[in-house]
Amino acid sequence: MLLDPDTGIEPKKAGPKHVKVIEIQELWEVLSQGDWLVLYQHAFRETNWRETTRERFAEACGVKEEEVKTFEAGEIAWDVAFFAANRR
């Protein structure tokens, strides 16, 4: 399942362009074993936005941070990343 909000996971204050942590948790719960949940994330105003997003996504899914896979193509779009977790 791909979560493709306009900008990614909610910051401190969520707007309609974000996916809320509670929404990630709810979707995670209905996935079957072996399914993947993928989040599109656009860069935000922190130099460590990838690490912050990986940590928040892992927490929302209830998995260890090292279990979240990150996919990027910096030479094409330096400001976009995908984060994926497998429901085991």
PDB file of N, CA and C in Angstrom:
ATOM      1  N   MET A   1       0.853  -1.157   0.000  1.00  0.00           N
ATOM      2  CA  MET A   1       0.000   0.000   0.000  1.00  0.00           C
ATOM      3  C   MET A   1       0.905   1.228   0.000  1.00  0.00           C
ATOM      4  N   LEU A   2       0.595   2.187  -0.844  1.00  0.00           N
ATOM      5  CA  LEU A   2       1.378   3.411  -0.957  1.00  0.00           C
ATOM      6  C   LEU A   2       0.603   4.583  -0.380  1.00  0.00           C
ATOM      7  N   LEU A   3       1.223   5.262   0.580  1.00  0.00           N
ATOM      8  CA  LEU A   3       0.668   6.498   1.113  1.00  0.00           C
ATOM      9  C   LEU A   3       1.339   7.639   0.365  1.00  0.00           C
ATOM     10  N   ASP A   4       0.548   8.419  -0.364  1.00  0.00           N
ATOM     11  CA  ASP A   4       1.103   9.479  -1.192  1.00  0.00           C
ATOM     12  C   ASP A   4       0.437  10.814  -0.880  1.00  0.00           C
ATOM     13  N   PRO A   5       0.674  11.335   0.326  1.00  0.00           N
ATOM     14  CA  PRO A   5       0.158  12.677   0.624  1.00  0.00           C
ATOM     15  C   PRO A   5       0.974  13.695  -0.166  1.00  0.00           C
ATOM     16  N   ASP A   6       0.519  14.917  -0.216  1.00  0.00           N
ATOM     17  CA  ASP A   6       1.242  15.939  -0.973  1.00  0.00           C
ATOM     18  C   ASP A   6       2.673  16.131  -0.474  1.00  0.00           C
ATOM     19  N   THR A   7       2.865  16.087   0.844  1.00  0.00           N
ATOM     20  CA  THR A   7       4.199  16.378   1.374  1.00  0.00           C
ATOM     21  C   THR A   7       4.782  15.294   2.267  1.00  0.00           C
ATOM     22  N   GLY A   8       3.971  14.421   2.838  1.00  0.00           N
ATOM     23  CA  GLY A   8       4.496  13.348   3.675  1.00  0.00           C
ATOM     24  C   GLY A   8       3.821  13.266   5.024  1.00  0.00           C
ATOM     25  N   ILE A   9       4.556  12.735   5.997  1.00  0.00           N
ATOM     26  CA  ILE A   9       4.036  12.532   7.344  1.00  0.00           C
ATOM     27  C   ILE A   9       3.832  13.884   8.032  1.00  0.00           C
ATOM     28  N   GLU A  10       2.868  13.933   8.896  1.00  0.00           N
ATOM     29  CA  GLU A  10       2.526  15.191   9.548  1.00  0.00           C
ATOM     30  C   GLU A  10       3.692  15.756  10.367  1.00  0.00           C
ATOM     31  N   PRO A  11       3.877  17.068  10.302  1.00  0.00           N
ATOM     32  CA  PRO A  11       4.819  17.710  11.213  1.00  0.00           C
ATOM     33  C   PRO A  11       4.118  17.900  12.558  1.00  0.00           C
ATOM     34  N   LYS A  12       4.552  18.841  13.345  1.00  0.00           N
ATOM     35  CA  LYS A  12       3.914  19.070  14.649  1.00  0.00           C
ATOM     36  C   LYS A  12       2.441  19.417  14.506  1.00  0.00           C
ATOM     37  N   LYS A  13       2.104  20.101  13.434  1.00  0.00           N
ATOM     38  CA  LYS A  13       0.704  20.446  13.166  1.00  0.00           C
ATOM     39  C   LYS A  13       0.358  19.948  11.768  1.00  0.00           C
ATOM     40  N   ALA A  14      -0.584  19.028  11.691  1.00  0.00           N
ATOM     41  CA  ALA A  14      -0.935  18.411  10.413  1.00  0.00           C
ATOM     42  C   ALA A  14      -1.948  19.240   9.642  1.00  0.00           C
ATOM     43  N   GLY A  15      -1.781  19.230   8.344  1.00  0.00           N
ATOM     44  CA  GLY A  15      -2.745  19.854   7.451  1.00  0.00           C
ATOM     45  C   GLY A  15      -3.237  18.813   6.463  1.00  0.00           C
ATOM     46  N   PRO A  16      -4.071  19.222   5.523  1.00  0.00           N
ATOM     47  CA  PRO A  16      -4.618  18.267   4.556  1.00  0.00           C
ATOM     48  C   PRO A  16      -3.572  17.697   3.591  1.00  0.00           C
ATOM     49  N   LYS A  17      -2.385  18.296   3.542  1.00  0.00           N
ATOM     50  CA  LYS A  17      -1.328  17.810   2.658  1.00  0.00           C
ATOM     51  C   LYS A  17      -0.492  16.712   3.313  1.00  0.00           C
ATOM     52  N   HIS A  18      -0.811  16.358   4.535  1.00  0.00           N
ATOM     53  CA  HIS A  18      -0.021  15.377   5.283  1.00  0.00           C
ATOM     54  C   HIS A  18      -0.836  14.125   5.607  1.00  0.00           C
ATOM     55  N   VAL A  19      -0.113  13.042   5.850  1.00  0.00           N
ATOM     56  CA  VAL A  19      -0.742  11.844   6.401  1.00  0.00           C
ATOM     57  C   VAL A  19      -0.467  11.884   7.903  1.00  0.00           C
ATOM     58  N   LYS A  20      -1.490  11.643   8.676  1.00  0.00           N
ATOM     59  CA  LYS A  20      -1.355  11.682  10.133  1.00  0.00           C
ATOM     60  C   LYS A  20      -0.796  10.358  10.648  1.00  0.00           C
ATOM     61  N   VAL A  21      -0.081  10.438  11.771  1.00  0.00           N
ATOM     62  CA  VAL A  21       0.483   9.237  12.390  1.00  0.00           C
ATOM     63  C   VAL A  21      -0.627   8.238  12.698  1.00  0.00           C
ATOM     64  N   ILE A  22      -1.743   8.707  13.202  1.00  0.00           N
ATOM     65  CA  ILE A  22      -2.854   7.813  13.530  1.00  0.00           C
ATOM     66  C   ILE A  22      -3.365   7.101  12.279  1.00  0.00           C
ATOM     67  N   GLU A  23      -3.340   7.772  11.132  1.00  0.00           N
ATOM     68  CA  GLU A  23      -3.765   7.139   9.884  1.00  0.00           C
ATOM     69  C   GLU A  23      -2.795   6.039   9.472  1.00  0.00           C
ATOM     70  N   ILE A  24      -1.500   6.282   9.659  1.00  0.00           N
ATOM     71  CA  ILE A  24      -0.504   5.254   9.372  1.00  0.00           C
ATOM     72  C   ILE A  24      -0.742   4.046  10.266  1.00  0.00           C
ATOM     73  N   GLN A  25      -0.974   4.292  11.545  1.00  0.00           N
ATOM     74  CA  GLN A  25      -1.214   3.202  12.496  1.00  0.00           C
ATOM     75  C   GLN A  25      -2.453   2.401  12.108  1.00  0.00           C
ATOM     76  N   GLU A  26      -3.510   3.076  11.731  1.00  0.00           N
ATOM     77  CA  GLU A  26      -4.749   2.391  11.350  1.00  0.00           C
ATOM     78  C   GLU A  26      -4.554   1.546  10.096  1.00  0.00           C
ATOM     79  N   LEU A  27      -3.858   2.073   9.112  1.00  0.00           N
ATOM     80  CA  LEU A  27      -3.597   1.311   7.888  1.00  0.00           C
ATOM     81  C   LEU A  27      -2.692   0.121   8.165  1.00  0.00           C
ATOM     82  N   TRP A  28      -1.685   0.317   8.996  1.00  0.00           N
ATOM     83  CA  TRP A  28      -0.744  -0.754   9.344  1.00  0.00           C
ATOM     84  C   TRP A  28      -1.496  -1.941   9.951  1.00  0.00           C
ATOM     85  N   GLU A  29      -2.457  -1.653  10.786  1.00  0.00           N
ATOM     86  CA  GLU A  29      -3.200  -2.705  11.484  1.00  0.00           C
ATOM     87  C   GLU A  29      -4.025  -3.579  10.545  1.00  0.00           C
ATOM     88  N   VAL A  30      -4.446  -3.061   9.411  1.00  0.00           N
ATOM     89  CA  VAL A  30      -5.285  -3.856   8.508  1.00  0.00           C
ATOM     90  C   VAL A  30      -4.486  -4.571   7.414  1.00  0.00           C
ATOM     91  N   LEU A  31      -3.183  -4.335   7.363  1.00  0.00           N
ATOM     92  CA  LEU A  31      -2.355  -5.040   6.382  1.00  0.00           C
ATOM     93  C   LEU A  31      -2.219  -6.506   6.756  1.00  0.00           C
ATOM     94  N   SER A  32      -2.066  -7.325   5.763  1.00  0.00           N
ATOM     95  CA  SER A  32      -1.832  -8.751   5.981  1.00  0.00           C
ATOM     96  C   SER A  32      -0.347  -9.014   6.132  1.00  0.00           C
ATOM     97  N   GLN A  33      -0.026 -10.147   6.719  1.00  0.00           N
ATOM     98  CA  GLN A  33       1.367 -10.548   6.854  1.00  0.00           C
ATOM     99  C   GLN A  33       2.004 -10.589   5.469  1.00  0.00           C
ATOM    100  N   GLY A  34       3.185  -9.995   5.347  1.00  0.00           N
ATOM    101  CA  GLY A  34       3.901  -9.952   4.083  1.00  0.00           C
ATOM    102  C   GLY A  34       3.639  -8.696   3.263  1.00  0.00           C
ATOM    103  N   ASP A  35       2.596  -7.930   3.611  1.00  0.00           N
ATOM    104  CA  ASP A  35       2.309  -6.682   2.901  1.00  0.00           C
ATOM    105  C   ASP A  35       3.331  -5.610   3.263  1.00  0.00           C
ATOM    106  N   TRP A  36       3.477  -4.655   2.367  1.00  0.00           N
ATOM    107  CA  TRP A  36       4.362  -3.510   2.581  1.00  0.00           C
ATOM    108  C   TRP A  36       3.542  -2.237   2.659  1.00  0.00           C
ATOM    109  N   LEU A  37       3.978  -1.328   3.522  1.00  0.00           N
ATOM    110  CA  LEU A  37       3.408   0.011   3.587  1.00  0.00           C
ATOM    111  C   LEU A  37       4.530   0.970   3.203  1.00  0.00           C
ATOM    112  N   VAL A  38       4.262   1.823   2.209  1.00  0.00           N
ATOM    113  CA  VAL A  38       5.266   2.746   1.686  1.00  0.00           C
ATOM    114  C   VAL A  38       4.744   4.167   1.837  1.00  0.00           C
ATOM    115  N   LEU A  39       5.612   5.053   2.303  1.00  0.00           N
ATOM    116  CA  LEU A  39       5.274   6.461   2.503  1.00  0.00           C
ATOM    117  C   LEU A  39       6.120   7.344   1.606  1.00  0.00           C
ATOM    118  N   TYR A  40       5.474   8.219   0.855  1.00  0.00           N
ATOM    119  CA  TYR A  40       6.154   9.248   0.083  1.00  0.00           C
ATOM    120  C   TYR A  40       6.452  10.397   1.034  1.00  0.00           C
ATOM    121  N   GLN A  41       7.674  10.916   0.996  1.00  0.00           N
ATOM    122  CA  GLN A  41       8.026  12.047   1.862  1.00  0.00           C
ATOM    123  C   GLN A  41       8.791  13.094   1.068  1.00  0.00           C
ATOM    124  N   HIS A  42       8.297  14.323   1.129  1.00  0.00           N
ATOM    125  CA  HIS A  42       8.990  15.464   0.534  1.00  0.00           C
ATOM    126  C   HIS A  42       9.829  16.097   1.641  1.00  0.00           C
ATOM    127  N   ALA A  43      10.987  16.621   1.294  1.00  0.00           N
ATOM    128  CA  ALA A  43      11.875  17.242   2.278  1.00  0.00           C
ATOM    129  C   ALA A  43      11.164  18.369   3.020  1.00  0.00           C
ATOM    130  N   PHE A  44      11.500  18.509   4.296  1.00  0.00           N
ATOM    131  CA  PHE A  44      11.034  19.661   5.060  1.00  0.00           C
ATOM    132  C   PHE A  44      12.246  20.378   5.640  1.00  0.00           C
ATOM    133  N   ARG A  45      12.043  21.438   6.321  1.00  0.00           N
ATOM    134  CA  ARG A  45      13.116  22.363   6.695  1.00  0.00           C
ATOM    135  C   ARG A  45      13.999  21.885   7.841  1.00  0.00           C
ATOM    136  N   GLU A  46      14.487  20.699   7.738  1.00  0.00           N
ATOM    137  CA  GLU A  46      15.476  20.159   8.670  1.00  0.00           C
ATOM    138  C   GLU A  46      16.510  19.437   7.828  1.00  0.00           C
ATOM    139  N   THR A  47      17.763  19.559   8.197  1.00  0.00           N
ATOM    140  CA  THR A  47      18.799  18.862   7.424  1.00  0.00           C
ATOM    141  C   THR A  47      18.700  17.356   7.594  1.00  0.00           C
ATOM    142  N   ASN A  48      18.159  16.916   8.718  1.00  0.00           N
ATOM    143  CA  ASN A  48      18.029  15.478   8.981  1.00  0.00           C
ATOM    144  C   ASN A  48      16.597  14.982   8.758  1.00  0.00           C
ATOM    145  N   TRP A  49      15.918  15.536   7.762  1.00  0.00           N
ATOM    146  CA  TRP A  49      14.518  15.183   7.528  1.00  0.00           C
ATOM    147  C   TRP A  49      14.329  13.702   7.226  1.00  0.00           C
ATOM    148  N   ARG A  50      15.316  13.074   6.589  1.00  0.00           N
ATOM    149  CA  ARG A  50      15.187  11.641   6.286  1.00  0.00           C
ATOM    150  C   ARG A  50      15.190  10.817   7.570  1.00  0.00           C
ATOM    151  N   GLU A  51      16.113  11.120   8.463  1.00  0.00           N
ATOM    152  CA  GLU A  51      16.210  10.373   9.727  1.00  0.00           C
ATOM    153  C   GLU A  51      14.967  10.594  10.589  1.00  0.00           C
ATOM    154  N   THR A  52      14.509  11.837  10.638  1.00  0.00           N
ATOM    155  CA  THR A  52      13.306  12.153  11.412  1.00  0.00           C
ATOM    156  C   THR A  52      12.103  11.393  10.873  1.00  0.00           C
ATOM    157  N   THR A  53      11.949  11.380   9.556  1.00  0.00           N
ATOM    158  CA  THR A  53      10.820  10.680   8.944  1.00  0.00           C
ATOM    159  C   THR A  53      10.918   9.177   9.171  1.00  0.00           C
ATOM    160  N   ARG A  54      12.108   8.607   8.992  1.00  0.00           N
ATOM    161  CA  ARG A  54      12.292   7.164   9.212  1.00  0.00           C
ATOM    162  C   ARG A  54      11.900   6.789  10.645  1.00  0.00           C
ATOM    163  N   GLU A  55      12.332   7.590  11.590  1.00  0.00           N
ATOM    164  CA  GLU A  55      12.031   7.335  13.006  1.00  0.00           C
ATOM    165  C   GLU A  55      10.531   7.416  13.274  1.00  0.00           C
ATOM    166  N   ARG A  56       9.870   8.450  12.774  1.00  0.00           N
ATOM    167  CA  ARG A  56       8.434   8.615  13.017  1.00  0.00           C
ATOM    168  C   ARG A  56       7.609   7.545  12.312  1.00  0.00           C
ATOM    169  N   PHE A  57       8.022   7.183  11.096  1.00  0.00           N
ATOM    170  CA  PHE A  57       7.316   6.141  10.352  1.00  0.00           C
ATOM    171  C   PHE A  57       7.465   4.792  11.056  1.00  0.00           C
ATOM    172  N   ALA A  58       8.674   4.473  11.494  1.00  0.00           N
ATOM    173  CA  ALA A  58       8.904   3.221  12.212  1.00  0.00           C
ATOM    174  C   ALA A  58       8.053   3.163  13.477  1.00  0.00           C
ATOM    175  N   GLU A  59       8.027   4.250  14.205  1.00  0.00           N
ATOM    176  CA  GLU A  59       7.233   4.294  15.435  1.00  0.00           C
ATOM    177  C   GLU A  59       5.750   4.113  15.137  1.00  0.00           C
ATOM    178  N   ALA A  60       5.260   4.773  14.094  1.00  0.00           N
ATOM    179  CA  ALA A  60       3.842   4.651  13.727  1.00  0.00           C
ATOM    180  C   ALA A  60       3.486   3.223  13.340  1.00  0.00           C
ATOM    181  N   CYS A  61       4.431   2.528  12.686  1.00  0.00           N
ATOM    182  CA  CYS A  61       4.191   1.141  12.261  1.00  0.00           C
ATOM    183  C   CYS A  61       4.485   0.129  13.369  1.00  0.00           C
ATOM    184  N   GLY A  62       5.136   0.585  14.425  1.00  0.00           N
ATOM    185  CA  GLY A  62       5.464  -0.334  15.517  1.00  0.00           C
ATOM    186  C   GLY A  62       6.602  -1.274  15.170  1.00  0.00           C
ATOM    187  N   VAL A  63       7.546  -0.797  14.340  1.00  0.00           N
ATOM    188  CA  VAL A  63       8.710  -1.607  13.960  1.00  0.00           C
ATOM    189  C   VAL A  63       9.982  -0.880  14.387  1.00  0.00           C
ATOM    190  N   LYS A  64      11.089  -1.605  14.379  1.00  0.00           N
ATOM    191  CA  LYS A  64      12.372  -0.988  14.688  1.00  0.00           C
ATOM    192  C   LYS A  64      12.785  -0.102  13.519  1.00  0.00           C
ATOM    193  N   GLU A  65      13.465   0.986  13.842  1.00  0.00           N
ATOM    194  CA  GLU A  65      13.879   1.933  12.810  1.00  0.00           C
ATOM    195  C   GLU A  65      14.730   1.277  11.727  1.00  0.00           C
ATOM    196  N   GLU A  66      15.580   0.331  12.118  1.00  0.00           N
ATOM    197  CA  GLU A  66      16.439  -0.329  11.133  1.00  0.00           C
ATOM    198  C   GLU A  66      15.658  -1.265  10.205  1.00  0.00           C
ATOM    199  N   GLU A  67      14.402  -1.552  10.521  1.00  0.00           N
ATOM    200  CA  GLU A  67      13.566  -2.374   9.652  1.00  0.00           C
ATOM    201  C   GLU A  67      12.922  -1.563   8.527  1.00  0.00           C
ATOM    202  N   VAL A  68      12.969  -0.240   8.630  1.00  0.00           N
ATOM    203  CA  VAL A  68      12.386   0.622   7.603  1.00  0.00           C
ATOM    204  C   VAL A  68      13.405   0.818   6.486  1.00  0.00           C
ATOM    205  N   LYS A  69      12.994   0.542   5.284  1.00  0.00           N
ATOM    206  CA  LYS A  69      13.851   0.715   4.113  1.00  0.00           C
ATOM    207  C   LYS A  69      13.610   2.110   3.531  1.00  0.00           C
ATOM    208  N   THR A  70      14.684   2.729   3.069  1.00  0.00           N
ATOM    209  CA  THR A  70      14.600   4.058   2.467  1.00  0.00           C
ATOM    210  C   THR A  70      15.026   3.967   1.011  1.00  0.00           C
ATOM    211  N   PHE A  71      14.236   4.575   0.140  1.00  0.00           N
ATOM    212  CA  PHE A  71      14.531   4.590  -1.289  1.00  0.00           C
ATOM    213  C   PHE A  71      14.626   6.034  -1.752  1.00  0.00           C
ATOM    214  N   GLU A  72      15.737   6.346  -2.438  1.00  0.00           N
ATOM    215  CA  GLU A  72      15.968   7.696  -2.924  1.00  0.00           C
ATOM    216  C   GLU A  72      16.610   7.644  -4.306  1.00  0.00           C
ATOM    217  N   ALA A  73      16.470   8.731  -5.031  1.00  0.00           N
ATOM    218  CA  ALA A  73      17.161   8.918  -6.306  1.00  0.00           C
ATOM    219  C   ALA A  73      17.635  10.370  -6.330  1.00  0.00           C
ATOM    220  N   GLY A  74      18.642  10.656  -5.517  1.00  0.00           N
ATOM    221  CA  GLY A  74      19.135  12.008  -5.320  1.00  0.00           C
ATOM    222  C   GLY A  74      19.530  12.737  -6.581  1.00  0.00           C
ATOM    223  N   GLU A  75      20.003  12.015  -7.576  1.00  0.00           N
ATOM    224  CA  GLU A  75      20.391  12.672  -8.821  1.00  0.00           C
ATOM    225  C   GLU A  75      19.178  13.128  -9.633  1.00  0.00           C
ATOM    226  N   ILE A  76      18.012  12.590  -9.293  1.00  0.00           N
ATOM    227  CA  ILE A  76      16.780  12.975  -9.995  1.00  0.00           C
ATOM    228  C   ILE A  76      15.976  13.969  -9.153  1.00  0.00           C
ATOM    229  N   ALA A  77      15.786  13.641  -7.883  1.00  0.00           N
ATOM    230  CA  ALA A  77      15.005  14.489  -6.980  1.00  0.00           C
ATOM    231  C   ALA A  77      15.596  14.372  -5.569  1.00  0.00           C
ATOM    232  N   TRP A  78      16.476  15.284  -5.220  1.00  0.00           N
ATOM    233  CA  TRP A  78      17.162  15.241  -3.918  1.00  0.00           C
ATOM    234  C   TRP A  78      16.200  15.427  -2.738  1.00  0.00           C
ATOM    235  N   ASP A  79      15.022  15.981  -3.006  1.00  0.00           N
ATOM    236  CA  ASP A  79      14.102  16.354  -1.935  1.00  0.00           C
ATOM    237  C   ASP A  79      12.930  15.386  -1.752  1.00  0.00           C
ATOM    238  N   VAL A  80      13.075  14.162  -2.243  1.00  0.00           N
ATOM    239  CA  VAL A  80      12.019  13.158  -2.124  1.00  0.00           C
ATOM    240  C   VAL A  80      12.625  11.826  -1.681  1.00  0.00           C
ATOM    241  N   ALA A  81      11.915  11.138  -0.802  1.00  0.00           N
ATOM    242  CA  ALA A  81      12.320   9.798  -0.393  1.00  0.00           C
ATOM    243  C   ALA A  81      11.065   8.966  -0.136  1.00  0.00           C
ATOM    244  N   PHE A  82      11.215   7.662  -0.249  1.00  0.00           N
ATOM    245  CA  PHE A  82      10.149   6.723   0.073  1.00  0.00           C
ATOM    246  C   PHE A  82      10.626   5.873   1.237  1.00  0.00           C
ATOM    247  N   PHE A  83       9.753   5.638   2.199  1.00  0.00           N
ATOM    248  CA  PHE A  83      10.061   4.818   3.353  1.00  0.00           C
ATOM    249  C   PHE A  83       9.110   3.630   3.350  1.00  0.00           C
ATOM    250  N   ALA A  84       9.630   2.435   3.541  1.00  0.00           N
ATOM    251  CA  ALA A  84       8.822   1.221   3.426  1.00  0.00           C
ATOM    252  C   ALA A  84       9.040   0.297   4.624  1.00  0.00           C
ATOM    253  N   ALA A  85       7.953  -0.295   5.089  1.00  0.00           N
ATOM    254  CA  ALA A  85       8.012  -1.262   6.181  1.00  0.00           C
ATOM    255  C   ALA A  85       7.192  -2.489   5.797  1.00  0.00           C
ATOM    256  N   ASN A  86       7.699  -3.644   6.151  1.00  0.00           N
ATOM    257  CA  ASN A  86       7.051  -4.921   5.856  1.00  0.00           C
ATOM    258  C   ASN A  86       6.308  -5.421   7.083  1.00  0.00           C
ATOM    259  N   ARG A  87       5.049  -5.769   6.887  1.00  0.00           N
ATOM    260  CA  ARG A  87       4.230  -6.321   7.985  1.00  0.00           C
ATOM    261  C   ARG A  87       4.555  -7.799   8.107  1.00  0.00           C
ATOM    262  N   ARG A  88       5.295  -8.173   9.092  1.00  0.00           N
ATOM    263  CA  ARG A  88       5.734  -9.561   9.291  1.00  0.00           C
ATOM    264  C   ARG A  88       4.804 -10.323  10.191  1.00  0.00           C
TER     265      ARG A  88
END
